[in-house]
Amino acid sequence: MRILTNTTSPYARIARIALGEKGFDLSGTEIVNPWSDDPGLLALNSAARVPTIETDEGLPITESLLVVLWLERKVPEPSLLPGPLDRTISLAGRAMGVVDAMANIVINRMQVDPNFGEHRVGLKRRRTIVEGMRQLESDPPEYDGGTPSIAVIASVVALDYLALRFPGEPWVEAYPRLEDLRARVADRPAFAATAPSL
């Protein structure tokens, strides 16, 4: 199996954590730049997005939550979708909404306008981040050790991506309950091995 990723993508990190928690070897990870139209990435994924996984049979598996779905069917235990399922999916969706809003601002700042975050759409995305993080902080996913749920994974990835991409922004608040959640999974190999960096 090949895992094509980069060092900043929160989507790729979610998939890599999920793979690691399911017992897959992350040493086959290849760092690619999706913005440079890497030929190896394009051969597998015409959208040139990470994560992209190439199975041993040569099939591409793309999009972080589809990777999780594939993993849940391929390796049912340990499950990343523990009960109550509705709550797990709801909290994961909230965290993914925050991740999407952050990625939207970051991409538009890099590719369109460095001041995108101050424009109408950018301000709406910022509102999504602030409100979504507040909701996750007031009602974080449960974690009592062992394999974390996709809600825990997505929430921690969102918190780390916020710190990576928006350091010192005046609208970023303190999230002590989420920080505690992060601290409780920080030593797990899949989280430690995938820490984001610029």
C-alpha atoms as a PDB file:
ATOM      1  CA  MET A   1       0.000   0.000   0.000  1.00  0.00           C
ATOM      2  CA  ARG A   2       1.132   3.551  -0.780  1.00  0.00           C
ATOM      3  CA  ILE A   3      -0.112   6.548   1.170  1.00  0.00           C
ATOM      4  CA  LEU A   4       0.279   9.866  -0.623  1.00  0.00           C
ATOM      5  CA  THR A   5       0.020  12.812   1.715  1.00  0.00           C
ATOM      6  CA  ASN A   6       1.613  16.094   2.715  1.00  0.00           C
ATOM      7  CA  THR A   7       2.685  17.550   6.027  1.00  0.00           C
ATOM      8  CA  THR A   8      -0.123  20.085   6.460  1.00  0.00           C
ATOM      9  CA  SER A   9      -3.374  18.618   5.120  1.00  0.00           C
ATOM     10  CA  PRO A  10      -5.870  17.938   7.915  1.00  0.00           C
ATOM     11  CA  TYR A  11      -7.739  15.551   5.606  1.00  0.00           C
ATOM     12  CA  ALA A  12      -4.613  13.506   4.977  1.00  0.00           C
ATOM     13  CA  ARG A  13      -3.852  13.494   8.684  1.00  0.00           C
ATOM     14  CA  ILE A  14      -7.311  12.141   9.533  1.00  0.00           C
ATOM     15  CA  ALA A  15      -6.802   9.293   7.068  1.00  0.00           C
ATOM     16  CA  ARG A  16      -3.278   8.552   8.292  1.00  0.00           C
ATOM     17  CA  ILE A  17      -4.381   8.476  11.933  1.00  0.00           C
ATOM     18  CA  ALA A  18      -7.233   6.156  11.005  1.00  0.00           C
ATOM     19  CA  LEU A  19      -4.837   3.868   9.130  1.00  0.00           C
ATOM     20  CA  GLY A  20      -2.426   3.843  12.052  1.00  0.00           C
ATOM     21  CA  GLU A  21      -5.163   3.111  14.564  1.00  0.00           C
ATOM     22  CA  LYS A  22      -6.291   0.197  12.396  1.00  0.00           C
ATOM     23  CA  GLY A  23      -2.782  -1.243  12.531  1.00  0.00           C
ATOM     24  CA  PHE A  24      -1.496  -0.258   9.092  1.00  0.00           C
ATOM     25  CA  ASP A  25       2.176   0.558   8.690  1.00  0.00           C
ATOM     26  CA  LEU A  26       2.563   4.287   7.998  1.00  0.00           C
ATOM     27  CA  SER A  27       6.159   3.940   6.801  1.00  0.00           C
ATOM     28  CA  GLY A  28       4.946   3.706   3.193  1.00  0.00           C
ATOM     29  CA  THR A  29       3.859   7.331   3.359  1.00  0.00           C
ATOM     30  CA  GLU A  30       5.024   9.490   0.459  1.00  0.00           C
ATOM     31  CA  ILE A  31       5.070  13.265   0.849  1.00  0.00           C
ATOM     32  CA  VAL A  32       3.759  15.001  -2.276  1.00  0.00           C
ATOM     33  CA  ASN A  33       2.832  18.561  -3.151  1.00  0.00           C
ATOM     34  CA  PRO A  34      -0.754  18.531  -4.445  1.00  0.00           C
ATOM     35  CA  TRP A  35      -0.291  22.055  -5.832  1.00  0.00           C
ATOM     36  CA  SER A  36       2.549  21.019  -8.137  1.00  0.00           C
ATOM     37  CA  ASP A  37       0.473  18.416 -10.003  1.00  0.00           C
ATOM     38  CA  ASP A  38       2.766  15.611  -8.913  1.00  0.00           C
ATOM     39  CA  PRO A  39       2.604  12.979 -11.691  1.00  0.00           C
ATOM     40  CA  GLY A  40       2.383  10.064  -9.247  1.00  0.00           C
ATOM     41  CA  LEU A  41      -0.529  11.689  -7.454  1.00  0.00           C
ATOM     42  CA  LEU A  42      -2.311  12.648 -10.684  1.00  0.00           C
ATOM     43  CA  ALA A  43      -1.999   9.093 -12.001  1.00  0.00           C
ATOM     44  CA  LEU A  44      -4.080   7.921  -9.033  1.00  0.00           C
ATOM     45  CA  ASN A  45      -6.277  10.946  -8.355  1.00  0.00           C
ATOM     46  CA  SER A  46      -7.153  13.415 -11.127  1.00  0.00           C
ATOM     47  CA  ALA A  47      -8.196  15.925  -8.443  1.00  0.00           C
ATOM     48  CA  ALA A  48      -4.567  15.883  -7.169  1.00  0.00           C
ATOM     49  CA  ARG A  49      -5.796  15.782  -3.589  1.00  0.00           C
ATOM     50  CA  VAL A  50      -4.444  14.161  -0.489  1.00  0.00           C
ATOM     51  CA  PRO A  51      -4.994  11.718   1.045  1.00  0.00           C
ATOM     52  CA  THR A  52      -4.707   9.293  -1.807  1.00  0.00           C
ATOM     53  CA  ILE A  53      -4.062   5.660  -1.016  1.00  0.00           C
ATOM     54  CA  GLU A  54      -3.025   3.079  -3.576  1.00  0.00           C
ATOM     55  CA  THR A  55      -4.083  -0.382  -2.492  1.00  0.00           C
ATOM     56  CA  ASP A  56      -1.923  -3.440  -3.085  1.00  0.00           C
ATOM     57  CA  GLU A  57      -4.212  -4.143  -6.065  1.00  0.00           C
ATOM     58  CA  GLY A  58      -3.453  -0.706  -7.525  1.00  0.00           C
ATOM     59  CA  LEU A  59      -6.821   0.875  -6.729  1.00  0.00           C
ATOM     60  CA  PRO A  60      -6.907   4.490  -5.511  1.00  0.00           C
ATOM     61  CA  ILE A  61      -8.870   5.258  -2.350  1.00  0.00           C
ATOM     62  CA  THR A  62      -9.412   8.988  -1.864  1.00  0.00           C
ATOM     63  CA  GLU A  63     -11.180  11.475   0.436  1.00  0.00           C
ATOM     64  CA  SER A  64     -10.549  11.153   4.156  1.00  0.00           C
ATOM     65  CA  LEU A  65     -13.990  10.047   5.293  1.00  0.00           C
ATOM     66  CA  LEU A  66     -14.239   7.526   2.458  1.00  0.00           C
ATOM     67  CA  VAL A  67     -10.879   6.159   3.607  1.00  0.00           C
ATOM     68  CA  VAL A  68     -12.400   5.742   7.078  1.00  0.00           C
ATOM     69  CA  LEU A  69     -15.462   4.004   5.603  1.00  0.00           C
ATOM     70  CA  TRP A  70     -13.205   1.682   3.585  1.00  0.00           C
ATOM     71  CA  LEU A  71     -11.135   0.926   6.679  1.00  0.00           C
ATOM     72  CA  GLU A  72     -14.208   0.152   8.780  1.00  0.00           C
ATOM     73  CA  ARG A  73     -15.290  -2.468   6.236  1.00  0.00           C
ATOM     74  CA  LYS A  74     -11.792  -3.823   5.608  1.00  0.00           C
ATOM     75  CA  VAL A  75     -10.723  -3.988   9.278  1.00  0.00           C
ATOM     76  CA  PRO A  76     -13.851  -3.816  11.463  1.00  0.00           C
ATOM     77  CA  GLU A  77     -11.953  -3.985  14.753  1.00  0.00           C
ATOM     78  CA  PRO A  78     -10.963  -1.810  16.428  1.00  0.00           C
ATOM     79  CA  SER A  79     -13.843   0.361  15.281  1.00  0.00           C
ATOM     80  CA  LEU A  80     -13.505   4.097  14.736  1.00  0.00           C
ATOM     81  CA  LEU A  81     -17.312   4.331  14.823  1.00  0.00           C
ATOM     82  CA  PRO A  82     -18.279   3.182  18.301  1.00  0.00           C
ATOM     83  CA  GLY A  83     -21.746   3.678  19.755  1.00  0.00           C
ATOM     84  CA  PRO A  84     -23.715   5.653  20.176  1.00  0.00           C
ATOM     85  CA  LEU A  85     -23.181   5.941  16.420  1.00  0.00           C
ATOM     86  CA  ASP A  86     -25.407   8.979  15.910  1.00  0.00           C
ATOM     87  CA  ARG A  87     -23.450  11.010  18.454  1.00  0.00           C
ATOM     88  CA  THR A  88     -20.084   9.917  17.047  1.00  0.00           C
ATOM     89  CA  ILE A  89     -21.094  10.874  13.505  1.00  0.00           C
ATOM     90  CA  SER A  90     -22.655  14.150  14.677  1.00  0.00           C
ATOM     91  CA  LEU A  91     -19.512  15.268  16.526  1.00  0.00           C
ATOM     92  CA  ALA A  92     -17.247  14.141  13.686  1.00  0.00           C
ATOM     93  CA  GLY A  93     -19.389  16.144  11.267  1.00  0.00           C
ATOM     94  CA  ARG A  94     -19.099  19.229  13.445  1.00  0.00           C
ATOM     95  CA  ALA A  95     -15.305  18.888  13.518  1.00  0.00           C
ATOM     96  CA  MET A  96     -15.175  18.283   9.757  1.00  0.00           C
ATOM     97  CA  GLY A  97     -17.188  21.459   9.194  1.00  0.00           C
ATOM     98  CA  VAL A  98     -14.531  23.371  11.115  1.00  0.00           C
ATOM     99  CA  VAL A  99     -11.751  21.672   9.132  1.00  0.00           C
ATOM    100  CA  ASP A 100     -13.493  22.503   5.845  1.00  0.00           C
ATOM    101  CA  ALA A 101     -13.880  26.174   6.817  1.00  0.00           C
ATOM    102  CA  MET A 102     -10.216  26.450   7.824  1.00  0.00           C
ATOM    103  CA  ALA A 103      -9.019  24.719   4.648  1.00  0.00           C
ATOM    104  CA  ASN A 104     -11.193  27.041   2.576  1.00  0.00           C
ATOM    105  CA  ILE A 105      -9.598  30.124   4.115  1.00  0.00           C
ATOM    106  CA  VAL A 106      -6.069  28.730   3.830  1.00  0.00           C
ATOM    107  CA  ILE A 107      -6.443  27.700   0.172  1.00  0.00           C
ATOM    108  CA  ASN A 108      -8.036  30.990  -0.834  1.00  0.00           C
ATOM    109  CA  ARG A 109      -5.344  32.968   0.996  1.00  0.00           C
ATOM    110  CA  MET A 110      -2.642  31.023  -0.867  1.00  0.00           C
ATOM    111  CA  GLN A 111      -4.236  30.826  -4.297  1.00  0.00           C
ATOM    112  CA  VAL A 112      -6.606  33.816  -4.623  1.00  0.00           C
ATOM    113  CA  ASP A 113      -6.175  36.666  -2.149  1.00  0.00           C
ATOM    114  CA  PRO A 114      -3.989  36.891   0.977  1.00  0.00           C
ATOM    115  CA  ASN A 115      -6.800  38.920   2.593  1.00  0.00           C
ATOM    116  CA  PHE A 116      -9.501  36.370   1.792  1.00  0.00           C
ATOM    117  CA  GLY A 117     -10.193  35.805   5.484  1.00  0.00           C
ATOM    118  CA  GLU A 118     -11.402  39.407   5.777  1.00  0.00           C
ATOM    119  CA  HIS A 119     -13.849  39.208   2.853  1.00  0.00           C
ATOM    120  CA  ARG A 120     -17.528  38.284   3.138  1.00  0.00           C
ATOM    121  CA  VAL A 121     -17.060  34.572   2.418  1.00  0.00           C
ATOM    122  CA  GLY A 122     -13.893  34.407   4.505  1.00  0.00           C
ATOM    123  CA  LEU A 123     -15.715  35.976   7.449  1.00  0.00           C
ATOM    124  CA  LYS A 124     -18.501  33.390   7.098  1.00  0.00           C
ATOM    125  CA  ARG A 125     -15.875  30.636   7.187  1.00  0.00           C
ATOM    126  CA  ARG A 126     -14.323  32.236  10.270  1.00  0.00           C
ATOM    127  CA  ARG A 127     -17.729  32.243  11.945  1.00  0.00           C
ATOM    128  CA  THR A 128     -18.023  28.534  11.174  1.00  0.00           C
ATOM    129  CA  ILE A 129     -14.642  27.939  12.810  1.00  0.00           C
ATOM    130  CA  VAL A 130     -15.407  29.979  15.922  1.00  0.00           C
ATOM    131  CA  GLU A 131     -18.908  28.577  16.462  1.00  0.00           C
ATOM    132  CA  GLY A 132     -17.909  25.021  15.606  1.00  0.00           C
ATOM    133  CA  MET A 133     -14.956  25.094  17.989  1.00  0.00           C
ATOM    134  CA  ARG A 134     -17.134  26.566  20.739  1.00  0.00           C
ATOM    135  CA  GLN A 135     -19.647  23.762  20.265  1.00  0.00           C
ATOM    136  CA  LEU A 136     -16.941  21.103  20.330  1.00  0.00           C
ATOM    137  CA  GLU A 137     -15.436  22.703  23.435  1.00  0.00           C
ATOM    138  CA  SER A 138     -18.784  22.736  25.252  1.00  0.00           C
ATOM    139  CA  ASP A 139     -19.545  19.113  24.285  1.00  0.00           C
ATOM    140  CA  PRO A 140     -16.341  17.316  23.262  1.00  0.00           C
ATOM    141  CA  PRO A 141     -16.274  13.684  22.181  1.00  0.00           C
ATOM    142  CA  GLU A 142     -15.696  11.157  24.933  1.00  0.00           C
ATOM    143  CA  TYR A 143     -12.382   9.387  25.209  1.00  0.00           C
ATOM    144  CA  ASP A 144     -11.492   6.906  27.957  1.00  0.00           C
ATOM    145  CA  GLY A 145      -8.413   5.384  26.378  1.00  0.00           C
ATOM    146  CA  GLY A 146      -7.909   2.817  23.681  1.00  0.00           C
ATOM    147  CA  THR A 147      -8.812   3.357  20.055  1.00  0.00           C
ATOM    148  CA  PRO A 148     -10.229   6.850  19.523  1.00  0.00           C
ATOM    149  CA  SER A 149     -13.402   7.388  17.527  1.00  0.00           C
ATOM    150  CA  ILE A 150     -13.493   9.342  14.290  1.00  0.00           C
ATOM    151  CA  ALA A 151     -15.062  12.161  16.353  1.00  0.00           C
ATOM    152  CA  VAL A 152     -11.985  12.280  18.598  1.00  0.00           C
ATOM    153  CA  ILE A 153      -9.641  12.080  15.610  1.00  0.00           C
ATOM    154  CA  ALA A 154     -11.402  14.855  13.672  1.00  0.00           C
ATOM    155  CA  SER A 155     -11.673  17.110  16.746  1.00  0.00           C
ATOM    156  CA  VAL A 156      -7.972  16.812  17.601  1.00  0.00           C
ATOM    157  CA  VAL A 157      -6.975  17.318  13.965  1.00  0.00           C
ATOM    158  CA  ALA A 158      -9.158  20.438  13.838  1.00  0.00           C
ATOM    159  CA  LEU A 159      -7.544  21.816  17.000  1.00  0.00           C
ATOM    160  CA  ASP A 160      -4.029  21.153  15.699  1.00  0.00           C
ATOM    161  CA  TYR A 161      -4.798  22.631  12.285  1.00  0.00           C
ATOM    162  CA  LEU A 162      -6.178  25.760  13.937  1.00  0.00           C
ATOM    163  CA  ALA A 163      -2.910  26.155  15.866  1.00  0.00           C
ATOM    164  CA  LEU A 164      -0.841  25.483  12.727  1.00  0.00           C
ATOM    165  CA  ARG A 165      -2.609  27.837  10.339  1.00  0.00           C
ATOM    166  CA  PHE A 166      -4.048  30.574  12.558  1.00  0.00           C
ATOM    167  CA  PRO A 167      -1.500  31.234  15.323  1.00  0.00           C
ATOM    168  CA  GLY A 168      -2.007  34.499  17.153  1.00  0.00           C
ATOM    169  CA  GLU A 169      -5.295  35.362  15.417  1.00  0.00           C
ATOM    170  CA  PRO A 170      -7.370  37.497  17.808  1.00  0.00           C
ATOM    171  CA  TRP A 171     -10.530  35.503  17.118  1.00  0.00           C
ATOM    172  CA  VAL A 172      -8.992  32.169  18.185  1.00  0.00           C
ATOM    173  CA  GLU A 173     -10.159  31.293  21.693  1.00  0.00           C
ATOM    174  CA  ALA A 174      -8.867  28.951  24.373  1.00  0.00           C
ATOM    175  CA  TYR A 175     -10.254  25.420  24.263  1.00  0.00           C
ATOM    176  CA  PRO A 176      -9.131  23.718  27.494  1.00  0.00           C
ATOM    177  CA  ARG A 177     -11.401  20.681  27.170  1.00  0.00           C
ATOM    178  CA  LEU A 178     -10.209  20.031  23.631  1.00  0.00           C
ATOM    179  CA  GLU A 179      -6.608  20.622  24.707  1.00  0.00           C
ATOM    180  CA  ASP A 180      -7.136  17.964  27.389  1.00  0.00           C
ATOM    181  CA  LEU A 181      -8.538  15.604  24.757  1.00  0.00           C
ATOM    182  CA  ARG A 182      -5.493  16.243  22.569  1.00  0.00           C
ATOM    183  CA  ALA A 183      -3.151  15.582  25.509  1.00  0.00           C
ATOM    184  CA  ARG A 184      -4.828  12.221  26.151  1.00  0.00           C
ATOM    185  CA  VAL A 185      -4.163  10.966  22.610  1.00  0.00           C
ATOM    186  CA  ALA A 186      -0.875  12.778  21.918  1.00  0.00           C
ATOM    187  CA  ASP A 187       1.315   9.782  22.774  1.00  0.00           C
ATOM    188  CA  ARG A 188      -0.573   7.374  20.548  1.00  0.00           C
ATOM    189  CA  PRO A 189       1.781   6.507  17.679  1.00  0.00           C
ATOM    190  CA  ALA A 190      -0.662   7.447  14.915  1.00  0.00           C
ATOM    191  CA  PHE A 191      -1.143  10.941  16.346  1.00  0.00           C
ATOM    192  CA  ALA A 192       2.537  11.498  17.136  1.00  0.00           C
ATOM    193  CA  ALA A 193       3.700  10.289  13.714  1.00  0.00           C
ATOM    194  CA  THR A 194       1.315  12.587  11.864  1.00  0.00           C
ATOM    195  CA  ALA A 195       1.796  15.864  13.749  1.00  0.00           C
ATOM    196  CA  PRO A 196       1.388  18.660  11.174  1.00  0.00           C
ATOM    197  CA  SER A 197       4.232  20.939  10.163  1.00  0.00           C
ATOM    198  CA  LEU A 198       4.758  23.746   7.672  1.00  0.00           C
END
